[in-house]
Amino acid sequence: MTDHIIVEQPSAHPGVQVIRFNRPEKKNAFTRAMYRTMNEALAAANTDANIKVTVFLGTEGSFSAGNDIGDFLATAMGGSMGDELIDFLYALAGSEKSLVSGVDGLAIGIGTTLNLHCDLTIASDRSQFRTPFVDLALVPEAASSLIAPRVMGHQRAFAMLAAGEAFSAEEAREAGLIWKVTAPDEVENAALAAAAKLAAKPPEALKIARDLICGSREEVIARIDVEARHFAARLKSAEARAAFEAFMRR
């Protein structure tokens, strides 16, 4: 466990599990320890009949800045994304329960792509979604290269995942990445209320409906694996070394 991830089941919202990113001093950048805690929480939800929905929340002004660069580089030097991150991507793709997210502020890298696995995302009007993978000489992850074009269309997906263009909350809503836009002080309550409504529905019917809408998990997991192989190869490239060195000099 890590204090940087708070996992709780609020009594006011029966059936709802909250995974809260709690590292505001680093804009909720994810470390390997944080991924381990989130993986444990998602695995527990799959087997706990009392948990119907999991909600991802950040802190004021920051959903997540993506991977902690220092922590990530320690693993990346070996040419790997890291088992903890890969396991988290598998956990997202394999979640048996509905996923909801409440985004306020920065959502960078995995902070953006994890929302592609959520069934409902509510974001504040000051949120920004960005995936600077290619800028770091890397490639998309979390099966975003498969899911985003289906959700957003080719050109908007390319603009986000390859060109690295930032999307405002309203642009993300228009593109289908998120469901609703609200004021910053309303995000958390709106996300929890949406999750509570889902948790109150007949669970087997909701699961079947979700499975039908999401489609083949095997296809998503296969794309995660393909992306991971490219990602690992790119980490060993001269381009990536130069990009990360430039980033660290900022």
Protein backbone atom coordinates (compact mmCIF):
# COMPACT_ATOMS: atom_id res chain seq x y z
CA MET A 1 0.00 0.00 0.00
CA THR A 2 1.02 3.64 -0.43
CA ASP A 3 -0.43 6.85 0.98
CA HIS A 4 -0.23 8.23 -2.55
CA ILE A 5 -3.25 6.08 -3.42
CA ILE A 6 -6.27 6.11 -1.13
CA VAL A 7 -8.73 3.26 -1.61
CA GLU A 8 -12.06 3.54 0.18
CA GLN A 9 -15.71 2.55 0.02
CA PRO A 10 -17.65 5.66 1.10
CA SER A 11 -20.63 4.80 3.28
CA ALA A 12 -22.69 7.46 1.53
CA HIS A 13 -22.36 5.55 -1.76
CA PRO A 14 -22.98 1.82 -1.24
CA GLY A 15 -21.40 -0.40 -3.87
CA VAL A 16 -18.84 2.21 -4.89
CA GLN A 17 -15.08 1.87 -4.48
CA VAL A 18 -12.96 5.01 -4.84
CA ILE A 19 -9.34 4.96 -6.00
CA ARG A 20 -8.01 8.42 -5.25
CA PHE A 21 -4.66 9.66 -6.55
CA ASN A 22 -3.13 11.53 -3.64
CA ARG A 23 0.26 12.90 -4.64
CA PRO A 24 -0.64 16.52 -5.35
CA GLU A 25 2.92 17.81 -4.87
CA LYS A 26 3.85 15.80 -8.00
CA LYS A 27 0.55 16.43 -9.79
CA ASN A 28 -0.38 12.80 -9.03
CA ALA A 29 2.35 11.35 -11.24
CA PHE A 30 2.24 7.56 -10.89
CA THR A 31 5.02 5.50 -9.35
CA ARG A 32 5.39 1.72 -9.43
CA ALA A 33 4.13 1.56 -5.83
CA MET A 34 1.01 3.51 -6.82
CA TYR A 35 0.35 1.12 -9.70
CA ARG A 36 0.68 -1.86 -7.35
CA THR A 37 -1.93 -0.42 -5.00
CA MET A 38 -4.33 0.35 -7.84
CA ASN A 39 -3.85 -3.15 -9.26
CA GLU A 40 -4.73 -4.67 -5.89
CA ALA A 41 -7.85 -2.50 -5.64
CA LEU A 42 -9.09 -3.42 -9.12
CA ALA A 43 -8.42 -7.12 -8.49
CA ALA A 44 -10.32 -6.94 -5.20
CA ALA A 45 -13.28 -5.27 -6.91
CA ASN A 46 -13.55 -8.11 -9.42
CA THR A 47 -14.15 -10.65 -6.65
CA ASP A 48 -16.06 -8.52 -4.14
CA ALA A 49 -19.81 -8.69 -4.66
CA ASN A 50 -20.22 -5.57 -2.52
CA ILE A 51 -18.28 -3.46 -5.04
CA LYS A 52 -20.29 -2.66 -8.15
CA VAL A 53 -18.36 0.35 -9.51
CA THR A 54 -14.85 1.77 -9.13
CA VAL A 55 -14.30 5.53 -9.37
CA PHE A 56 -10.95 7.16 -10.16
CA LEU A 57 -10.43 10.61 -8.63
CA GLY A 58 -7.45 12.95 -8.42
CA THR A 59 -6.87 16.07 -6.36
CA GLU A 60 -7.80 19.69 -6.96
CA GLY A 61 -6.32 20.83 -10.27
CA SER A 62 -4.59 17.53 -11.05
CA PHE A 63 -6.04 14.23 -12.17
CA SER A 64 -2.64 12.76 -13.10
CA ALA A 65 0.49 14.04 -14.82
CA GLY A 66 1.17 10.50 -16.05
CA ASN A 67 4.17 8.44 -15.07
CA ASP A 68 6.67 9.77 -12.57
CA ILE A 69 9.62 10.37 -14.89
CA GLY A 70 12.33 9.51 -12.36
CA ASP A 71 10.60 6.30 -11.29
CA PHE A 72 9.77 5.42 -14.87
CA LEU A 73 13.32 5.98 -16.13
CA ALA A 74 14.72 3.64 -13.48
CA THR A 75 12.70 0.86 -15.11
CA ALA A 76 12.97 2.14 -18.67
CA MET A 77 16.76 1.86 -18.67
CA GLY A 78 16.23 -1.88 -18.97
CA GLY A 79 13.98 -1.38 -21.99
CA SER A 80 10.71 -2.14 -20.23
CA MET A 81 7.51 -0.27 -19.36
CA GLY A 82 7.59 -2.06 -15.99
CA ASP A 83 5.48 -4.95 -14.77
CA GLU A 84 3.40 -2.74 -12.50
CA LEU A 85 2.29 -0.49 -15.37
CA ILE A 86 1.57 -3.42 -17.69
CA ASP A 87 -0.43 -5.12 -14.93
CA PHE A 88 -2.44 -1.91 -14.47
CA LEU A 89 -3.26 -1.79 -18.18
CA TYR A 90 -4.39 -5.42 -18.04
CA ALA A 91 -6.46 -4.62 -14.93
CA LEU A 92 -8.22 -1.76 -16.72
CA ALA A 93 -8.96 -3.89 -19.76
CA GLY A 94 -10.06 -6.84 -17.63
CA SER A 95 -12.19 -5.02 -15.07
CA GLU A 96 -15.37 -6.96 -14.35
CA LYS A 97 -16.98 -3.92 -12.76
CA SER A 98 -17.94 -0.56 -14.24
CA LEU A 99 -15.31 2.19 -14.15
CA VAL A 100 -16.04 5.89 -13.66
CA SER A 101 -13.60 8.80 -13.51
CA GLY A 102 -13.79 12.36 -12.25
CA VAL A 103 -11.13 14.55 -13.85
CA ASP A 104 -10.12 18.00 -12.67
CA GLY A 105 -7.15 19.75 -14.25
CA LEU A 106 -4.16 18.00 -15.80
CA ALA A 107 -4.66 14.58 -17.39
CA ILE A 108 -1.40 13.66 -19.12
CA GLY A 109 -0.31 10.38 -20.72
CA ILE A 110 -1.88 7.51 -18.79
CA GLY A 111 -3.90 10.21 -17.03
CA THR A 112 -5.68 10.59 -20.36
CA THR A 113 -5.64 7.06 -21.74
CA LEU A 114 -7.07 5.38 -18.64
CA ASN A 115 -10.29 7.30 -19.33
CA LEU A 116 -10.67 5.34 -22.57
CA HIS A 117 -11.35 2.32 -20.34
CA CYS A 118 -13.90 4.15 -18.21
CA ASP A 119 -17.60 3.83 -18.88
CA LEU A 120 -18.36 7.37 -17.73
CA THR A 121 -15.95 10.29 -17.31
CA ILE A 122 -16.91 13.66 -15.88
CA ALA A 123 -14.36 16.45 -16.22
CA SER A 124 -14.11 20.00 -15.01
CA ASP A 125 -14.12 22.82 -17.52
CA ARG A 126 -10.48 23.56 -16.68
CA SER A 127 -9.27 20.05 -17.51
CA GLN A 128 -6.69 19.39 -20.20
CA PHE A 129 -6.03 16.05 -21.87
CA ARG A 130 -2.67 15.43 -23.55
CA THR A 131 -0.54 12.42 -24.56
CA PRO A 132 3.04 13.48 -25.40
CA PHE A 133 4.17 9.97 -26.35
CA VAL A 134 5.76 10.79 -29.70
CA ASP A 135 7.38 13.93 -28.25
CA LEU A 136 9.32 11.54 -25.99
CA ALA A 137 10.07 9.30 -29.00
CA LEU A 138 7.64 6.68 -27.65
CA VAL A 139 4.32 5.25 -28.84
CA PRO A 140 0.74 5.17 -27.50
CA GLU A 141 -0.15 2.74 -24.69
CA ALA A 142 -3.18 1.31 -22.84
CA ALA A 143 -4.62 0.10 -26.18
CA SER A 144 -5.28 3.75 -26.96
CA SER A 145 -4.17 3.18 -30.56
CA LEU A 146 -7.11 0.78 -30.90
CA ILE A 147 -9.78 2.41 -28.75
CA ALA A 148 -9.23 6.12 -29.47
CA PRO A 149 -9.81 5.95 -33.26
CA ARG A 150 -13.02 4.03 -32.63
CA VAL A 151 -14.21 6.60 -30.10
CA MET A 152 -12.85 9.81 -31.61
CA GLY A 153 -12.32 9.08 -35.29
CA HIS A 154 -8.93 8.85 -37.00
CA GLN A 155 -8.03 12.52 -37.21
CA ARG A 156 -8.82 13.50 -33.63
CA ALA A 157 -7.16 10.33 -32.34
CA PHE A 158 -4.09 11.10 -34.45
CA ALA A 159 -4.05 14.69 -33.22
CA MET A 160 -4.04 13.47 -29.61
CA LEU A 161 -1.88 10.35 -29.75
CA ALA A 162 0.63 11.18 -32.48
CA ALA A 163 0.67 14.96 -32.84
CA GLY A 164 0.45 15.40 -29.06
CA GLU A 165 -2.17 18.14 -29.28
CA ALA A 166 -3.85 19.15 -26.03
CA PHE A 167 -7.63 18.79 -25.79
CA SER A 168 -9.75 20.99 -23.59
CA ALA A 169 -12.59 19.42 -21.63
CA GLU A 170 -15.13 20.59 -24.17
CA GLU A 171 -13.03 19.30 -27.08
CA ALA A 172 -12.67 15.97 -25.28
CA ARG A 173 -16.43 15.81 -24.77
CA GLU A 174 -17.10 16.58 -28.43
CA ALA A 175 -14.62 13.86 -29.37
CA GLY A 176 -16.36 11.28 -27.17
CA LEU A 177 -13.44 10.83 -24.77
CA ILE A 178 -15.54 12.06 -21.82
CA TRP A 179 -19.23 12.17 -20.99
CA LYS A 180 -19.90 15.48 -19.23
CA VAL A 181 -18.20 18.77 -18.38
CA THR A 182 -18.92 20.52 -15.11
CA ALA A 183 -17.46 23.10 -12.73
CA PRO A 184 -14.31 22.09 -10.80
CA ASP A 185 -16.08 22.01 -7.45
CA GLU A 186 -18.78 19.71 -8.83
CA VAL A 187 -16.61 17.01 -10.44
CA GLU A 188 -16.19 14.67 -7.49
CA ASN A 189 -19.84 14.74 -6.41
CA ALA A 190 -21.00 14.29 -10.01
CA ALA A 191 -18.71 11.30 -10.54
CA LEU A 192 -19.77 9.69 -7.28
CA ALA A 193 -23.45 10.30 -8.04
CA ALA A 194 -23.07 8.70 -11.47
CA ALA A 195 -21.30 5.72 -9.90
CA ALA A 196 -24.00 5.38 -7.24
CA LYS A 197 -26.69 5.23 -9.93
CA LEU A 198 -24.80 2.44 -11.69
CA ALA A 199 -24.24 0.59 -8.40
CA ALA A 200 -28.00 0.59 -7.77
CA LYS A 201 -28.80 -1.18 -11.04
CA PRO A 202 -29.25 -4.97 -11.37
CA PRO A 203 -25.59 -6.08 -11.38
CA GLU A 204 -25.78 -8.99 -13.81
CA ALA A 205 -27.76 -6.98 -16.35
CA LEU A 206 -25.30 -4.10 -16.02
CA LYS A 207 -22.32 -6.43 -16.49
CA ILE A 208 -23.79 -8.02 -19.61
CA ALA A 209 -24.68 -4.62 -21.07
CA ARG A 210 -21.16 -3.36 -20.36
CA ASP A 211 -19.56 -6.45 -21.92
CA LEU A 212 -21.67 -6.04 -25.06
CA ILE A 213 -20.77 -2.36 -25.36
CA CYS A 214 -17.05 -2.83 -24.67
CA GLY A 215 -16.65 -5.76 -27.05
CA SER A 216 -13.70 -8.13 -27.13
CA ARG A 217 -11.32 -7.79 -24.21
CA GLU A 218 -8.94 -10.19 -25.92
CA GLU A 219 -8.52 -7.71 -28.77
CA VAL A 220 -7.79 -4.88 -26.32
CA ILE A 221 -5.26 -6.96 -24.38
CA ALA A 222 -3.60 -8.05 -27.62
CA ARG A 223 -3.19 -4.39 -28.61
CA ILE A 224 -1.74 -3.58 -25.17
CA ASP A 225 0.86 -6.28 -25.82
CA VAL A 226 1.71 -4.98 -29.30
CA GLU A 227 2.05 -1.42 -28.02
CA ALA A 228 4.22 -2.63 -25.12
CA ARG A 229 6.64 -4.36 -27.49
CA HIS A 230 7.00 -1.20 -29.57
CA PHE A 231 7.27 0.89 -26.40
CA ALA A 232 10.08 -1.31 -25.04
CA ALA A 233 11.95 -1.13 -28.33
CA ARG A 234 11.58 2.64 -28.47
CA LEU A 235 12.95 3.00 -24.93
CA LYS A 236 16.26 1.58 -26.20
CA SER A 237 16.42 3.97 -29.15
CA ALA A 238 18.76 6.93 -29.54
CA GLU A 239 15.71 9.10 -30.23
CA ALA A 240 14.17 8.26 -26.85
CA ARG A 241 17.46 8.79 -25.01
CA ALA A 242 17.82 12.23 -26.54
CA ALA A 243 14.17 13.11 -25.84
CA PHE A 244 14.37 12.08 -22.18
CA GLU A 245 17.69 13.90 -21.71
CA ALA A 246 16.11 17.06 -23.13
CA PHE A 247 13.08 16.61 -20.86
CA MET A 248 15.23 16.21 -17.76
CA ARG A 249 17.18 19.37 -18.62
CA ARG A 250 14.03 21.52 -18.52
